Amino acid sequence: MKNFFLVLASVLFLASCDSKEKFQGRWSNYYLKQSSYPLEIRSVVIKNDSITFNYPYFEYSNSYSLNTKKGKLSFNDLNLKAFVKKDTLSINDSIYFVRDEVDTLYNSDILIKIDLPKVLNQFTQKLNKNNLNTYIYFGKRIDNQEFGLQLNDKFAKVSDLPVFVFVRNCHSSKDYSSIVNTVLSMDNTTPLNHLEDILYYLSMINYRQIDLVNDISLKFNDTVGLYYDYEVLNRTISHCFVHSSYNTNRGQMPPPPFTPYYPLFEDINLKSKFIHLKKNQLFHQDNVISTSELKTIIKPWIENNNVVFSLYDLESNYGKFLEMTAIINSVYEEVREKASQEQFNKSIESLSKEELREIKTKTPMHHVWSYSIPHFNHVVKRDKSFFDLKIN
């Protein structure tokens, strides 16, 4: 009898091992075995006690600890039924991946690697996915580790952006009254001269709405299956972005045909306050400050409707820039939330359009965020003002 139980325990152990082993390896999204849901994921790698989902458009992944007991993949607080039949991994009877050791089945090569900034505790905005979004990727090229721009599945010059964005949106929608949006995923170590160029070329064609991606996380629900959730900072590039005489490394591209002039400020006598990002450090009045000090410093500026300039040098990196911009944006949100509670006794998210307009009028977002230090200096030196705003 004792031997019988030993044999039974061995069989169960081997069965358990086999159950775990059959999930091991790389599984790729393959268009010939279509999932029940639209599936963005490029591939899945299951190795020992971990599972990694790879993003389709650049080298980026989400990894989780994995438990494979009782025919389920348990990770990231999810318990999804899974089984393997021949060469196919089925998840929840509706999501399919094909075994593929070298990740070749997605029908496109990965060109760049992007380490997203992942700034903590500043982001509440989520990306609104629609057919008017234009996605652009800027990171380190896989082939030579230099910084490069990817449009669709090809490398491109930043000067190609106006034609790419304009043609793409002409084909994607006939509703030209809608606001088109550019979604920028950029490596956190990118020098800011590249960001300045991208903003320049987008302003050239008046595509001024831009979502700056902070992080991409993997989610699941029964309606859409596995999907990516984008954490973003939505900003609007100024109408008057550049002077034709401002020279940068973008070459001999002519200046944009500007839209009719719009005053940036309703009162040219508003007080101006300055934060600088230099060599990846924040400065106020030539003193280095921390991110927590930044919030304390700018809060009274925003409450008093001062103009907040957050200027950057061209050598600092994108991650530090996004952190600075997100913190300032979060203080605007805090001030507006407080005003909403005091005036209407409810959260700003619960306000009507008219009430929200009133709060925004009371605390307008006077934040100049898209100018580098040399560009700002050029404008002020040339015009003796910043687009009519008097500068002390």
Protein backbone atom coordinates (compact mmCIF):
# COMPACT_ATOMS: atom_id res chain seq x y z
CA MET A 1 0.00 0.00 0.00
CA LYS A 2 2.87 2.31 0.88
CA ASN A 3 4.44 1.73 -2.54
CA PHE A 4 1.11 2.48 -4.20
CA PHE A 5 0.89 5.92 -2.61
CA LEU A 6 4.50 6.62 -3.53
CA VAL A 7 3.76 5.78 -7.18
CA LEU A 8 0.57 7.88 -7.12
CA ALA A 9 2.43 10.88 -5.66
CA SER A 10 5.13 10.51 -8.33
CA VAL A 11 2.52 10.44 -11.11
CA LEU A 12 0.77 13.52 -9.76
CA PHE A 13 4.09 15.32 -9.43
CA LEU A 14 5.09 14.47 -12.99
CA ALA A 15 1.66 15.52 -14.26
CA SER A 16 2.06 18.83 -12.46
CA CYS A 17 5.51 19.32 -13.99
CA ASP A 18 4.17 18.47 -17.43
CA SER A 19 1.33 20.94 -16.99
CA LYS A 20 3.82 23.67 -16.17
CA GLU A 21 6.35 22.72 -18.84
CA LYS A 22 3.90 22.77 -21.73
CA PHE A 23 3.38 26.53 -21.31
CA GLN A 24 7.11 27.30 -21.42
CA GLY A 25 8.59 29.16 -24.41
CA ARG A 26 7.74 32.02 -26.76
CA TRP A 27 4.26 32.45 -28.22
CA SER A 28 3.57 34.96 -30.97
CA ASN A 29 0.50 36.81 -32.15
CA TYR A 30 -0.29 35.42 -35.60
CA TYR A 31 -2.87 36.92 -37.93
CA LEU A 32 -3.84 33.50 -39.39
CA LYS A 33 -5.08 32.41 -35.95
CA GLN A 34 -7.20 35.38 -35.09
CA SER A 35 -8.22 35.96 -31.49
CA SER A 36 -11.77 36.76 -30.55
CA TYR A 37 -10.60 40.19 -29.38
CA PRO A 38 -8.42 42.71 -31.23
CA LEU A 39 -4.98 41.71 -29.98
CA GLU A 40 -2.19 44.30 -29.77
CA ILE A 41 0.30 42.05 -28.01
CA ARG A 42 3.23 41.01 -30.19
CA SER A 43 4.32 37.94 -28.24
CA VAL A 44 4.29 36.19 -24.88
CA VAL A 45 7.33 34.59 -23.23
CA ILE A 46 6.72 32.12 -20.41
CA LYS A 47 9.89 31.14 -18.57
CA ASN A 48 10.01 29.28 -15.28
CA ASP A 49 7.78 31.34 -12.97
CA SER A 50 7.43 34.51 -15.03
CA ILE A 51 5.35 35.71 -17.97
CA THR A 52 6.33 38.58 -20.27
CA PHE A 53 4.06 40.35 -22.77
CA ASN A 54 5.88 42.20 -25.53
CA TYR A 55 4.55 45.44 -27.01
CA PRO A 56 4.10 45.30 -30.81
CA TYR A 57 5.60 48.56 -32.10
CA PHE A 58 8.91 48.92 -30.26
CA GLU A 59 11.01 46.95 -27.77
CA TYR A 60 9.03 47.24 -24.56
CA SER A 61 7.54 44.61 -22.28
CA ASN A 62 5.41 43.99 -19.20
CA SER A 63 6.63 41.15 -16.94
CA TYR A 64 4.86 39.48 -14.02
CA SER A 65 5.38 36.61 -11.59
CA LEU A 66 3.44 33.56 -12.81
CA ASN A 67 1.66 30.61 -11.26
CA THR A 68 0.43 27.88 -13.63
CA LYS A 69 -1.59 25.61 -11.32
CA LYS A 70 -4.82 23.85 -12.34
CA GLY A 71 -4.81 24.91 -15.99
CA LYS A 72 -4.74 28.61 -15.21
CA LEU A 73 -2.21 31.37 -15.75
CA SER A 74 -2.22 33.48 -12.60
CA PHE A 75 -0.40 36.83 -12.85
CA ASN A 76 -0.97 40.51 -12.12
CA ASP A 77 -4.06 39.66 -9.99
CA LEU A 78 -5.58 37.80 -12.95
CA ASN A 79 -6.57 34.11 -13.16
CA LEU A 80 -7.05 33.20 -16.81
CA LYS A 81 -7.89 29.72 -18.06
CA ALA A 82 -5.21 28.41 -20.44
CA PHE A 83 -4.38 25.28 -22.39
CA VAL A 84 -2.03 24.21 -25.16
CA LYS A 85 -3.23 22.34 -28.24
CA LYS A 86 -0.56 21.39 -30.76
CA ASP A 87 1.24 24.66 -31.56
CA THR A 88 -1.33 27.05 -30.07
CA LEU A 89 -1.65 28.61 -26.62
CA SER A 90 -5.26 29.50 -25.81
CA ILE A 91 -6.02 31.98 -23.04
CA ASN A 92 -9.59 32.28 -21.77
CA ASP A 93 -10.86 30.32 -24.82
CA SER A 94 -10.62 33.45 -26.93
CA ILE A 95 -7.02 34.70 -27.11
CA TYR A 96 -4.56 32.72 -29.22
CA PHE A 97 -0.80 32.66 -29.62
CA VAL A 98 1.33 30.36 -31.78
CA ARG A 99 4.57 28.76 -30.58
CA ASP A 100 7.45 30.64 -32.16
CA GLU A 101 11.00 30.44 -30.82
CA VAL A 102 12.38 33.50 -32.61
CA ASP A 103 9.39 35.90 -32.61
CA THR A 104 9.06 36.16 -36.38
CA LEU A 105 5.35 35.75 -36.95
CA TYR A 106 4.08 39.28 -36.31
CA ASN A 107 5.15 40.30 -39.82
CA SER A 108 7.29 43.30 -38.84
CA ASP A 109 10.69 43.91 -37.31
CA ILE A 110 11.30 45.76 -34.05
CA LEU A 111 13.37 48.83 -34.95
CA ILE A 112 13.80 50.79 -31.73
CA LYS A 113 13.91 50.34 -27.97
CA ILE A 114 12.09 52.82 -25.72
CA ASP A 115 12.46 53.02 -21.95
CA LEU A 116 9.43 55.10 -21.00
CA PRO A 117 9.85 57.75 -18.25
CA LYS A 118 7.43 56.18 -15.69
CA VAL A 119 7.22 59.32 -13.60
CA LEU A 120 5.46 58.44 -10.33
CA ASN A 121 2.32 59.89 -8.73
CA GLN A 122 1.69 62.72 -11.16
CA PHE A 123 -0.51 61.23 -13.87
CA THR A 124 -4.28 60.84 -13.89
CA GLN A 125 -4.90 61.14 -17.63
CA LYS A 126 -5.59 58.11 -19.81
CA LEU A 127 -5.25 58.00 -23.56
CA ASN A 128 -8.48 58.28 -25.53
CA LYS A 129 -7.97 55.72 -28.28
CA ASN A 130 -9.56 56.71 -31.58
CA ASN A 131 -8.76 56.71 -35.27
CA LEU A 132 -7.57 60.32 -35.10
CA ASN A 133 -4.58 59.43 -32.94
CA THR A 134 -1.24 59.47 -34.73
CA TYR A 135 1.43 57.40 -32.96
CA ILE A 136 5.09 58.32 -33.28
CA TYR A 137 8.01 56.59 -31.56
CA PHE A 138 11.41 58.02 -30.70
CA GLY A 139 14.08 55.91 -29.03
CA LYS A 140 17.34 54.02 -29.45
CA ARG A 141 17.76 52.18 -32.72
CA ILE A 142 18.30 48.44 -32.31
CA ASP A 143 20.95 48.38 -35.07
CA ASN A 144 23.33 51.09 -33.84
CA GLN A 145 22.00 52.41 -30.47
CA GLU A 146 21.67 55.94 -31.86
CA PHE A 147 18.50 57.92 -31.26
CA GLY A 148 16.00 57.69 -34.10
CA LEU A 149 12.40 58.30 -35.12
CA GLN A 150 10.06 55.49 -36.19
CA LEU A 151 6.97 56.22 -38.29
CA ASN A 152 4.86 53.14 -38.96
CA ASP A 153 7.46 50.39 -39.47
CA LYS A 154 10.30 52.51 -40.92
CA PHE A 155 12.99 54.89 -39.73
CA ALA A 156 12.34 58.50 -40.68
CA LYS A 157 13.73 62.00 -40.35
CA VAL A 158 11.98 64.36 -37.99
CA SER A 159 11.40 66.63 -40.97
CA ASP A 160 9.18 63.86 -42.42
CA LEU A 161 6.63 64.40 -39.64
CA PRO A 162 4.41 67.06 -41.29
CA VAL A 163 3.72 64.97 -44.39
CA PHE A 164 3.31 61.75 -42.40
CA VAL A 165 0.85 63.21 -39.89
CA PHE A 166 -1.14 65.15 -42.47
CA VAL A 167 -1.48 62.28 -44.96
CA ARG A 168 -2.22 59.75 -42.24
CA ASN A 169 -5.08 61.79 -40.81
CA CYS A 170 -6.53 62.64 -44.21
CA HIS A 171 -6.88 58.89 -44.87
CA SER A 172 -8.11 57.93 -41.39
CA SER A 173 -11.04 60.30 -41.02
CA LYS A 174 -13.34 62.52 -43.03
CA ASP A 175 -14.38 64.45 -39.94
CA TYR A 176 -11.90 67.30 -40.31
CA SER A 177 -13.63 69.29 -37.58
CA SER A 178 -12.41 66.79 -34.97
CA ILE A 179 -9.27 67.49 -33.00
CA VAL A 180 -6.45 65.27 -34.19
CA ASN A 181 -4.01 64.09 -31.59
CA THR A 182 -0.35 63.03 -31.71
CA VAL A 183 0.73 60.34 -29.25
CA LEU A 184 4.47 60.52 -28.56
CA SER A 185 6.37 57.63 -26.98
CA MET A 186 9.92 58.81 -26.32
CA ASP A 187 12.85 57.21 -24.51
CA ASN A 188 13.44 58.86 -21.14
CA THR A 189 17.15 59.46 -21.90
CA THR A 190 16.52 61.37 -25.15
CA PRO A 191 18.31 64.76 -25.26
CA LEU A 192 15.73 67.55 -25.47
CA ASN A 193 17.01 68.98 -28.75
CA HIS A 194 15.12 66.09 -30.40
CA LEU A 195 11.89 66.97 -28.57
CA GLU A 196 12.25 70.60 -29.63
CA ASP A 197 12.48 69.51 -33.26
CA ILE A 198 9.40 67.28 -32.99
CA LEU A 199 7.34 70.08 -31.45
CA TYR A 200 8.52 72.44 -34.18
CA TYR A 201 7.40 70.21 -37.03
CA LEU A 202 4.03 69.45 -35.44
CA SER A 203 3.37 73.15 -34.96
CA MET A 204 4.27 73.68 -38.61
CA ILE A 205 1.00 72.04 -39.68
CA ASN A 206 -0.97 73.23 -36.63
CA TYR A 207 -1.23 69.74 -35.10
CA ARG A 208 -0.87 71.08 -31.61
CA GLN A 209 -2.60 68.48 -29.41
CA ILE A 210 -0.01 66.02 -28.12
CA ASP A 211 -0.13 63.17 -25.60
CA LEU A 212 3.23 62.52 -23.93
CA VAL A 213 3.29 58.84 -22.93
CA ASN A 214 4.57 58.19 -19.43
CA ASP A 215 3.86 54.45 -19.16
CA ILE A 216 2.03 51.59 -20.88
CA SER A 217 0.47 48.89 -18.71
CA LEU A 218 -1.26 45.62 -19.55
CA LYS A 219 -4.91 45.21 -18.52
CA PHE A 220 -7.71 42.69 -19.01
CA ASN A 221 -11.48 42.67 -18.93
CA ASP A 222 -14.16 40.41 -20.36
CA THR A 223 -15.29 43.01 -22.90
CA VAL A 224 -12.01 43.73 -24.69
CA GLY A 225 -9.73 40.95 -23.42
CA LEU A 226 -6.04 41.82 -22.96
CA TYR A 227 -5.31 45.42 -23.84
CA TYR A 228 -2.79 48.21 -23.26
CA ASP A 229 -3.60 51.19 -21.05
CA TYR A 230 -1.65 54.37 -21.77
CA GLU A 231 -0.78 56.86 -19.03
CA VAL A 232 -0.25 60.24 -20.68
CA LEU A 233 0.16 63.95 -20.17
CA ASN A 234 -1.97 65.86 -22.65
CA ARG A 235 -0.58 69.24 -23.67
CA THR A 236 -1.18 71.85 -26.35
CA ILE A 237 1.73 73.31 -28.30
CA SER A 238 1.60 77.08 -28.60
CA HIS A 239 0.37 78.68 -31.83
CA CYS A 240 3.47 80.85 -32.04
CA PHE A 241 6.16 78.31 -31.54
CA VAL A 242 9.20 79.57 -33.41
CA HIS A 243 10.79 82.58 -35.02
CA SER A 244 12.11 82.11 -38.53
CA SER A 245 15.49 83.46 -37.42
CA TYR A 246 15.89 80.92 -34.60
CA ASN A 247 18.52 78.43 -35.75
CA THR A 248 18.64 74.90 -34.40
CA ASN A 249 19.98 71.60 -35.65
CA ARG A 250 16.95 70.97 -37.84
CA GLY A 251 18.67 72.21 -41.00
CA GLN A 252 17.32 74.54 -43.64
CA MET A 253 13.63 73.68 -43.36
CA PRO A 254 11.56 76.86 -43.97
CA PRO A 255 9.46 78.23 -41.10
CA PRO A 256 5.83 77.12 -40.86
CA PRO A 257 3.03 79.11 -42.51
CA PHE A 258 1.61 80.36 -39.21
CA THR A 259 -2.10 80.40 -38.54
CA PRO A 260 -3.66 83.82 -37.84
CA TYR A 261 -2.06 85.41 -34.81
CA TYR A 262 -3.59 84.54 -31.46
CA PRO A 263 -2.48 86.44 -28.36
CA LEU A 264 -0.95 84.00 -25.92
CA PHE A 265 -2.11 86.03 -22.93
CA GLU A 266 -5.19 88.16 -22.34
CA ASP A 267 -3.12 90.53 -20.20
CA ILE A 268 0.39 91.41 -21.38
CA ASN A 269 1.20 92.76 -17.91
CA LEU A 270 0.86 89.41 -16.12
CA LYS A 271 3.73 88.59 -13.81
CA SER A 272 6.16 85.97 -15.08
CA LYS A 273 7.83 83.30 -12.95
CA PHE A 274 10.59 80.95 -14.05
CA ILE A 275 11.72 77.39 -13.47
CA HIS A 276 14.73 76.07 -15.39
CA LEU A 277 15.81 72.53 -16.20
CA LYS A 278 19.57 72.56 -16.74
CA LYS A 279 21.81 69.51 -16.84
CA ASN A 280 18.89 67.44 -15.49
CA GLN A 281 18.53 69.62 -12.40
CA LEU A 282 15.69 71.98 -11.50
CA PHE A 283 16.59 75.60 -10.77
CA HIS A 284 14.71 78.51 -9.26
CA GLN A 285 16.56 81.83 -9.11
CA ASP A 286 19.85 80.01 -9.76
CA ASN A 287 19.28 77.64 -6.82
CA VAL A 288 18.91 73.89 -7.28
CA ILE A 289 15.52 72.68 -6.02
CA SER A 290 13.92 69.27 -5.50
CA THR A 291 10.67 68.10 -7.08
CA SER A 292 8.84 68.53 -3.76
CA GLU A 293 10.17 72.09 -3.49
CA LEU A 294 8.96 72.73 -7.04
CA LYS A 295 5.34 72.05 -6.01
CA THR A 296 5.63 74.38 -3.01
CA ILE A 297 7.21 77.17 -5.06
CA ILE A 298 4.77 77.21 -7.97
CA LYS A 299 1.50 76.80 -6.06
CA PRO A 300 1.19 80.51 -5.07
CA TRP A 301 2.18 81.47 -8.63
CA ILE A 302 -0.73 79.49 -10.03
CA GLU A 303 -3.16 80.76 -7.37
CA ASN A 304 -2.22 84.32 -8.34
CA ASN A 305 -2.53 83.64 -12.09
CA ASN A 306 1.13 84.31 -12.81
CA VAL A 307 2.66 83.01 -16.02
CA VAL A 308 4.78 79.95 -15.23
CA PHE A 309 7.71 79.43 -17.58
CA SER A 310 9.39 76.01 -17.34
CA LEU A 311 12.33 76.34 -19.70
CA TYR A 312 14.79 73.58 -20.55
CA ASP A 313 18.27 73.32 -21.99
CA LEU A 314 18.81 71.07 -25.00
CA GLU A 315 21.12 68.64 -23.22
CA SER A 316 18.82 67.55 -20.38
CA ASN A 317 16.85 64.37 -20.94
CA TYR A 318 13.21 63.79 -21.71
CA GLY A 319 12.43 61.92 -18.49
CA LYS A 320 13.39 64.92 -16.34
CA PHE A 321 11.47 67.24 -18.65
CA LEU A 322 8.31 65.14 -18.41
CA GLU A 323 8.60 64.96 -14.63
CA MET A 324 8.89 68.76 -14.37
CA THR A 325 5.97 69.34 -16.74
CA ALA A 326 3.78 66.75 -15.02
CA ILE A 327 4.39 68.22 -11.56
CA ILE A 328 3.41 71.70 -12.71
CA ASN A 329 0.33 70.27 -14.42
CA SER A 330 -0.64 68.42 -11.21
CA VAL A 331 -0.50 71.65 -9.19
CA TYR A 332 -2.87 73.31 -11.66
CA GLU A 333 -5.21 70.35 -11.13
CA GLU A 334 -4.96 70.68 -7.34
CA VAL A 335 -5.73 74.41 -7.41
CA ARG A 336 -8.70 73.88 -9.73
CA GLU A 337 -9.99 71.01 -7.60
CA LYS A 338 -9.87 73.19 -4.51
CA ALA A 339 -11.72 75.98 -6.32
CA SER A 340 -14.37 73.50 -7.50
CA GLN A 341 -14.97 72.24 -3.96
CA GLU A 342 -15.19 75.76 -2.56
CA GLN A 343 -17.45 77.15 -5.26
CA PHE A 344 -19.67 74.19 -6.18
CA ASN A 345 -19.09 71.75 -3.30
CA LYS A 346 -18.22 68.92 -5.70
CA SER A 347 -15.27 67.39 -7.50
CA ILE A 348 -14.12 68.97 -10.74
CA GLU A 349 -14.91 65.70 -12.50
CA SER A 350 -18.59 66.17 -11.57
CA LEU A 351 -18.93 69.71 -12.91
CA SER A 352 -21.14 70.65 -15.84
CA LYS A 353 -19.50 72.18 -18.92
CA GLU A 354 -20.54 75.64 -17.79
CA GLU A 355 -19.20 75.12 -14.27
CA LEU A 356 -15.94 73.69 -15.57
CA ARG A 357 -15.53 76.65 -17.89
CA GLU A 358 -15.99 78.96 -14.93
CA ILE A 359 -13.27 77.18 -12.92
CA LYS A 360 -10.87 77.25 -15.86
CA THR A 361 -11.55 80.95 -16.40
CA LYS A 362 -10.82 81.59 -12.74
CA THR A 363 -7.55 79.59 -12.91
CA PRO A 364 -6.33 79.70 -16.51
CA MET A 365 -3.37 77.49 -17.38
CA HIS A 366 -0.69 80.11 -17.93
CA HIS A 367 2.07 77.55 -18.32
CA VAL A 368 4.67 77.97 -21.06
CA TRP A 369 6.21 74.52 -21.28
CA SER A 370 7.40 73.96 -24.87
CA TYR A 371 10.27 76.45 -25.11
CA SER A 372 13.94 75.73 -24.68
CA ILE A 373 16.17 78.24 -22.90
CA PRO A 374 18.00 79.31 -26.13
CA HIS A 375 14.69 79.64 -27.98
CA PHE A 376 13.15 81.77 -25.22
CA ASN A 377 16.26 83.96 -25.05
CA HIS A 378 16.12 84.45 -28.80
CA VAL A 379 12.47 85.55 -28.75
CA VAL A 380 12.95 87.99 -25.86
CA LYS A 381 16.17 89.44 -27.27
CA ARG A 382 14.54 89.97 -30.65
CA ASP A 383 11.15 91.31 -29.58
CA LYS A 384 11.90 92.79 -26.14
CA SER A 385 8.91 90.71 -24.98
CA PHE A 386 7.60 87.16 -25.15
CA PHE A 387 4.94 87.42 -27.85
CA ASP A 388 3.82 90.76 -26.36
CA LEU A 389 4.06 89.54 -22.74
CA LYS A 390 6.29 91.94 -20.84
CA ILE A 391 9.30 90.16 -19.33
CA ASN A 392 11.20 91.56 -16.38
